[in-house]
């Protein structure tokens, strides 16, 4: 029984430490975070290859076979 109690106490201590870490996290408003996210997306849109076609395919073979 004491092994179970010690295990339970260890689990509870880890949970308390995790909650203390979460308590110290600085939070921000959703409205401010969404504005920052929209600004980041707008600034990086020209370099986003999911939106804009890349200038050259990096996986394209460099040269073709001369014997064909």
N, C-alpha and C. Protein backbone atom coordinates (compact mmCIF):
# COMPACT_ATOMS: atom_id res chain seq x y z
N UNK A 1 0.83 -1.20 0.00
CA UNK A 1 0.00 0.00 0.00
C UNK A 1 0.86 1.25 0.00
N UNK A 2 1.97 1.24 0.69
CA UNK A 2 2.81 2.43 0.75
C UNK A 2 3.46 2.72 -0.58
N UNK A 3 3.71 1.70 -1.41
CA UNK A 3 4.27 1.92 -2.74
C UNK A 3 3.27 2.65 -3.62
N UNK A 4 2.00 2.30 -3.51
CA UNK A 4 0.96 2.98 -4.27
C UNK A 4 0.84 4.43 -3.82
N UNK A 5 0.92 4.63 -2.52
CA UNK A 5 0.82 5.99 -1.98
C UNK A 5 2.01 6.83 -2.44
N UNK A 6 3.20 6.27 -2.43
CA UNK A 6 4.39 7.00 -2.88
C UNK A 6 4.28 7.32 -4.36
N UNK A 7 3.79 6.38 -5.15
CA UNK A 7 3.61 6.61 -6.57
C UNK A 7 2.58 7.72 -6.81
N UNK A 8 1.49 7.67 -6.08
CA UNK A 8 0.45 8.68 -6.20
C UNK A 8 0.99 10.06 -5.82
N UNK A 9 1.78 10.12 -4.78
CA UNK A 9 2.36 11.40 -4.34
C UNK A 9 3.32 11.94 -5.41
N UNK A 10 4.09 11.07 -6.03
CA UNK A 10 5.02 11.51 -7.07
C UNK A 10 4.26 12.06 -8.27
N UNK A 11 3.17 11.40 -8.64
CA UNK A 11 2.36 11.87 -9.77
C UNK A 11 1.75 13.23 -9.43
N UNK A 12 1.26 13.37 -8.24
CA UNK A 12 0.66 14.64 -7.83
C UNK A 12 1.69 15.76 -7.81
N UNK A 13 2.91 15.48 -7.37
CA UNK A 13 3.96 16.50 -7.35
C UNK A 13 4.29 16.96 -8.78
N UNK A 14 4.37 15.99 -9.71
CA UNK A 14 4.64 16.35 -11.11
C UNK A 14 3.52 17.20 -11.67
N UNK A 15 2.30 16.89 -11.34
CA UNK A 15 1.17 17.67 -11.82
C UNK A 15 1.20 19.09 -11.26
N UNK A 16 1.55 19.21 -10.00
CA UNK A 16 1.64 20.53 -9.37
C UNK A 16 2.75 21.35 -10.01
N UNK A 17 3.89 20.74 -10.29
CA UNK A 17 4.98 21.47 -10.96
C UNK A 17 4.56 21.91 -12.35
N UNK A 18 3.85 21.05 -13.07
CA UNK A 18 3.38 21.40 -14.40
C UNK A 18 2.38 22.56 -14.33
N UNK A 19 1.49 22.53 -13.37
CA UNK A 19 0.52 23.61 -13.22
C UNK A 19 1.22 24.92 -12.86
N UNK A 20 2.26 24.86 -12.05
CA UNK A 20 3.02 26.08 -11.73
C UNK A 20 3.69 26.66 -12.97
N UNK A 21 4.21 25.78 -13.83
CA UNK A 21 4.82 26.26 -15.09
C UNK A 21 3.77 26.92 -15.96
N UNK A 22 2.59 26.33 -16.05
CA UNK A 22 1.51 26.91 -16.86
C UNK A 22 1.03 28.23 -16.27
N UNK A 23 1.09 28.36 -14.97
CA UNK A 23 0.65 29.58 -14.32
C UNK A 23 1.55 30.76 -14.69
N UNK A 24 2.84 30.50 -14.95
CA UNK A 24 3.78 31.57 -15.23
C UNK A 24 3.84 31.96 -16.70
N UNK A 25 3.08 31.28 -17.55
CA UNK A 25 3.08 31.60 -18.98
C UNK A 25 2.34 32.92 -19.19
N UNK A 26 2.97 33.82 -19.95
CA UNK A 26 2.34 35.10 -20.23
C UNK A 26 1.30 34.91 -21.33
N UNK A 27 0.10 35.35 -21.09
CA UNK A 27 -0.99 35.17 -22.03
C UNK A 27 -1.27 36.49 -22.75
N UNK A 28 -1.88 36.37 -23.94
CA UNK A 28 -2.25 37.57 -24.69
C UNK A 28 -3.69 37.42 -25.16
N UNK A 29 -4.29 38.54 -25.52
CA UNK A 29 -5.67 38.54 -25.99
C UNK A 29 -5.74 37.90 -27.38
N UNK A 30 -6.85 37.25 -27.66
CA UNK A 30 -7.04 36.61 -28.96
C UNK A 30 -7.03 37.65 -30.06
N UNK A 31 -7.61 38.80 -29.81
CA UNK A 31 -7.67 39.84 -30.85
C UNK A 31 -6.27 40.32 -31.22
N UNK A 32 -5.40 40.49 -30.24
CA UNK A 32 -4.02 40.92 -30.52
C UNK A 32 -3.23 39.82 -31.21
N UNK A 33 -3.42 38.59 -30.79
CA UNK A 33 -2.70 37.47 -31.39
C UNK A 33 -3.15 37.26 -32.83
N UNK A 34 -4.44 37.40 -33.11
CA UNK A 34 -4.92 37.21 -34.47
C UNK A 34 -4.42 38.32 -35.39
N UNK A 35 -4.32 39.54 -34.90
CA UNK A 35 -3.77 40.63 -35.71
C UNK A 35 -2.30 40.37 -36.04
N UNK A 36 -1.54 39.91 -35.06
CA UNK A 36 -0.14 39.60 -35.29
C UNK A 36 0.01 38.45 -36.29
N UNK A 37 -0.86 37.45 -36.19
CA UNK A 37 -0.82 36.32 -37.12
C UNK A 37 -1.15 36.76 -38.54
N UNK A 38 -2.15 37.61 -38.69
CA UNK A 38 -2.51 38.12 -40.02
C UNK A 38 -1.39 38.96 -40.60
N UNK A 39 -0.73 39.76 -39.79
CA UNK A 39 0.39 40.56 -40.25
C UNK A 39 1.56 39.67 -40.68
N UNK A 40 1.85 38.63 -39.93
CA UNK A 40 2.92 37.70 -40.27
C UNK A 40 2.64 37.00 -41.61
N UNK A 41 1.40 36.56 -41.79
CA UNK A 41 1.04 35.89 -43.03
C UNK A 41 1.16 36.84 -44.21
N UNK A 42 0.70 38.07 -44.04
CA UNK A 42 0.78 39.05 -45.14
C UNK A 42 2.23 39.37 -45.49
N UNK A 43 3.10 39.46 -44.49
CA UNK A 43 4.51 39.78 -44.75
C UNK A 43 5.24 38.63 -45.43
N UNK A 44 4.88 37.40 -45.11
CA UNK A 44 5.59 36.24 -45.64
C UNK A 44 4.89 35.55 -46.81
N UNK A 45 3.82 36.15 -47.31
CA UNK A 45 3.07 35.55 -48.41
C UNK A 45 3.91 35.38 -49.68
N UNK A 46 4.77 36.33 -50.07
CA UNK A 46 5.55 36.13 -51.30
C UNK A 46 6.52 34.95 -51.22
N UNK A 47 6.94 34.55 -50.05
CA UNK A 47 7.88 33.44 -49.90
C UNK A 47 7.19 32.13 -49.58
N UNK A 48 5.86 32.12 -49.50
CA UNK A 48 5.13 30.91 -49.16
C UNK A 48 4.83 30.13 -50.43
N UNK A 49 5.49 29.01 -50.61
CA UNK A 49 5.34 28.22 -51.83
C UNK A 49 4.04 27.43 -51.86
N UNK A 50 3.26 27.45 -50.81
CA UNK A 50 1.93 26.85 -50.87
C UNK A 50 0.93 27.81 -51.52
N UNK A 51 1.28 29.09 -51.55
CA UNK A 51 0.42 30.10 -52.15
C UNK A 51 0.96 30.53 -53.51
N UNK A 52 2.25 30.80 -53.59
CA UNK A 52 2.89 31.29 -54.80
C UNK A 52 3.76 30.18 -55.37
N UNK A 53 3.71 30.00 -56.69
CA UNK A 53 4.51 28.97 -57.34
C UNK A 53 6.00 29.31 -57.21
N UNK A 54 6.84 28.34 -56.82
CA UNK A 54 8.27 28.62 -56.69
C UNK A 54 8.88 28.93 -58.06
N UNK A 55 9.95 29.72 -58.08
CA UNK A 55 10.55 30.10 -59.36
C UNK A 55 11.09 28.91 -60.13
N UNK A 56 11.65 27.93 -59.48
CA UNK A 56 12.20 26.76 -60.15
C UNK A 56 12.02 25.55 -59.25
N UNK A 57 11.75 24.41 -59.84
CA UNK A 57 11.55 23.19 -59.09
C UNK A 57 12.91 22.66 -58.63
N UNK A 58 13.18 22.62 -57.33
CA UNK A 58 14.48 22.14 -56.85
C UNK A 58 14.67 20.64 -57.04
N UNK A 59 13.58 19.89 -57.28
CA UNK A 59 13.68 18.45 -57.44
C UNK A 59 13.75 18.03 -58.91
N UNK A 60 13.74 18.98 -59.79
CA UNK A 60 13.82 18.70 -61.22
C UNK A 60 15.22 18.20 -61.56
N UNK A 61 15.33 17.18 -62.39
CA UNK A 61 16.68 16.70 -62.77
C UNK A 61 17.47 17.81 -63.45
N UNK A 62 18.76 17.88 -63.12
CA UNK A 62 19.59 18.97 -63.64
C UNK A 62 19.87 18.83 -65.13
N UNK A 63 20.00 17.61 -65.61
CA UNK A 63 20.24 17.42 -67.04
C UNK A 63 19.52 16.17 -67.49
N UNK A 64 19.25 16.12 -68.78
CA UNK A 64 18.56 14.96 -69.31
C UNK A 64 19.59 14.00 -69.94
N UNK A 65 19.16 12.81 -70.20
CA UNK A 65 20.04 11.80 -70.78
C UNK A 65 20.31 12.14 -72.24
N UNK A 66 21.54 12.11 -72.65
CA UNK A 66 21.91 12.48 -74.02
C UNK A 66 21.70 11.33 -75.00
N UNK A 67 21.49 10.13 -74.54
CA UNK A 67 21.38 8.98 -75.43
C UNK A 67 19.93 8.72 -75.87
N UNK A 68 19.00 9.40 -75.32
CA UNK A 68 17.60 9.19 -75.71
C UNK A 68 17.23 10.07 -76.81
